[in-house]
Structures are given as structure tokens and as C-alpha cells.
């Protein structure tokens, strides 16, 4: 007589979540109240960024991880947007570069000083304008340097080369309605999107085609999410027709029926999934919930295995998720979340209880490192590459970050070598954004001089516009102080 195993073996069965002590939280932060289903928080091994309330525009705060405790009201913010900021995302290949998008229809990329902000940051490294309505989603390419995707409420997806400030691909007619989220696959050759028409789509950006589409993945009318797993499967969260929250796993080769479908509860907050490709654990946080549920995704049926729930008393306004290289491997920490309350940010650690102090190589396989696997031009040319992996055995040691340099293509000289247009996060090459005047002949000299004068004129115009904007903001501030508004 054979006995069926009642309890499934898993090294993550006993993972437990724990909030840090009060003095290790970030207090007195006015978290944004904008109505948008993004995480409002982005984290990397150096900084935590939080979208905050701002009068007369949009702003987000960037804090070094060590700056815990009460944050002064006068602490500088990144405040270059003229409308509320809707989404932020750290560059996976440079811990000091962050992208933001806003209701002002623009995407901006910022270089954060090595030790954090000491004054308000108003000038982005580059502004990317191409959307006609507010931009609600941004996400960096996982393996190619300087490739950034943005999706707006105009139902358009644009892929940018940040290094040259140009559009690489514009995908206009693939979505009939609002895009809820975008997720790249493991090597960045495809991405999947979830849409208000209740479908999710797998898209090849370089050919501008929909590779696969599943209609009515979740039949409820409330927002859904779709993310790529490392093996190419799709994990979705959404609502049933009876407004029950659901999780589902899909095989892109056969989208007729889900591989697994689970119903959770009847709360009405959108479920935000966070995926760890190293452990195949998916963490699900509901906006407005006070809990984090986590599931292990495996090869054997029923594929999605519930592990446990971290519960607390306070509901979450948003959530940040630390990349694996920012965790404390000595404490067997396999995930860390940054939970946003109304007025503070609270780190929550997920730990596997182990008695040994030795490095647990089964919990920490080699993980994606900060080095890009290819340049933007290589990706555009059709190359695919998996992330370059690093070992966490001795803990992650950050390398010196290089400044983001933007080299705008010179339309006057198409014969210029291609190397001058590549955007690298490195020191400027001999073909930098500021043209150098050569002495090869009078005609070249005059062309170069015209080029310099043209750039000077553009800079003067920019300075004038910023001066006018500062005057307008000062007028607004004085009106607020005088009680006129």
C-alpha cells in the first residue's frame, strides 16, 4: 500500500517575514496619493527611491539605505517633472541612474550623486518626449545597456536608447486600451503586457509583432498583471467575474487553458507580483492589503505552491523590492521589501531559518550582476544575451559607478563613425556630445563653429526657460504662503 506524501518538501516552506525595528525605518515621508497602480518605490543596493507628494509638479525622494530615522521636511528631492510622478525604476547596470515618468507626458533619466542628494535635483541627464498622454510605466532592459521601455495612457509603447536620447522602436497599434504593466523576459528578447481589454500579450519589440495573445486571461474588470518567469512561462494576477482575486500560470506554447489557477480572496486591491528567478518564489502584495503572500513555482503539478503569508496591521500604499545582490547572505535573507505606509517606509526581511553560519549555496545560486551583457546597438542588431551572473559567496561588493553620458546623434554628419552615437555609462570618448573643432580645413572649421554656436543657442534658450519656470514657482509659493491658494 503506497502512502501519498502529505507535505511537499521545500527549502522555502519555513521562510518568515519580519519588519525591522522602528529606528531602522524611514519616517515622516509624505508618500504620494496619486491614483495609480504602480509600486511608488524602487530600491537598489545603494538607495531607496520613493514617490512623494509635491505641490506644483511631481517629485520623488532618493535616500541612501543607511539614512534611516526621521527624514527632515527640507530633505532635497528630485523635482524636475511638471506633473505628478507615476513610476520610477533604477537602472540594473548603474546603481546611481534612475528613470522616472510622469503625468506631464515625459520620461526623465537622472544621475544621483554617489553619496545621495545635497540639493534639489531639477536637471535630468536626458528628457525623453514622445508620448501624447501621461506615461505610467517604465522598465529598463535586463541585459542591454541604456535601453529603456516606456508605456503611456496613449496605449503606445516606446523603447529608447538613453545614451543617444532617441526612439529605437515605437509600438502604436498593438494595444486597444490602457496598458496595466510591462515585463521583460529573462534575456530581453520579448516582453509581455497586460491590458484593460483583459488580455495579455507577448511582444517581439524588434519586429513590432504580437507573438502570442490570451484574451480574457482573468474575466474580472479590475486591473491585472502579467510577468515573465525565468523559464519563459507567464505568471498573472487578476480578478474573476465574481471579483475574487486570482493567480494563474500560463505556458506561451499553449494559452488555451492556464497550467494553474488559484483564487485567493475577495479584496479589491490590485495584486502586485514580485518574482525571484533564483529561487522561483513569487511574492504577491495587494495594494491596500496588510499582508504579503508568497508562492513557489515548480515544474510539477499543481505548479503554484502556497508557502506562507507575512501579515501586519498597517495597509501598504506601495512596495519596493531589493535586487538579490543587495541582500544580507550571512543572515540567509532571500528577499527584502520596502513597505510604504502613509508617512513612512518600513523594510521587511524574508529569511530562511538555518543553523549554520556558512554560505548557503542552495539559497544563493549565481544571480544577475550589474554588468550589462551587451550594448544597445548590439541588441538592435538582433543579438540576445542572458544576464551576466555573479556569485554572492563573499557578499556583493559594488564597483565604482560611472556617469551616464548622453551623446546625441549629429544629423549634419551622417558619415561620422557609429561609435560616436553609442550611449555608454562610461567616461566620454573622443566623440563626445560637445563637438571639438578640428584644423583640417576652412570648410570643416566653419561647420564645426556653426555646430558649437547652435548648441550654445540651445543652452541659452534652456536657461531662459528654466529661469521663467523658477519665477512661476516662486510666485506660486508666495501665494501659498500668503493664503491666496
Foldseek 3Di string as FASTA:
>chain_A
DDDDDPDDDDLQLPKAKDWDDQQQWEFQFQADPDPAPAQQWADELFWIKGWHDDPQFTWIAIAGSRPGDYDDPQHAIATQGRAHWQDKYAALQFRQKIWTWGQSQKIFIAGAPPRGDPHHHHDGLAIAHDGPGGWHAKDAQQFAPQWIWTAGQQRKIWIDRNQASDTLFIQRPPAPGGWRYKEAEQFRQWIWTAGQQLKIFIARRLVSDTPAMDGNPAVPRADKGWYAAHVGKIWMWDAHPVQFIKIFIDDRVDRPDTLAMDTDGRDNFYWDWDADNLQQKIWIAGQQAQKIWIWHADPDPPRTGTRDMHGDDAGFNRKYWYPQLSDDQQQQFLTWMFTHGSTITIIMTIHRDDDDRAGDCSSWPWDAHSNRPYYPVVVSVPDTDGGDTDGCRVGDDDDDFAAWFHAHDDPVCPVPDPVLHTTDSHPDDQNGNQDDADPPDDVSNVVSVVVNVVVVVVVVVVVVVVVVVVVVVVVVVVCVVVVVD
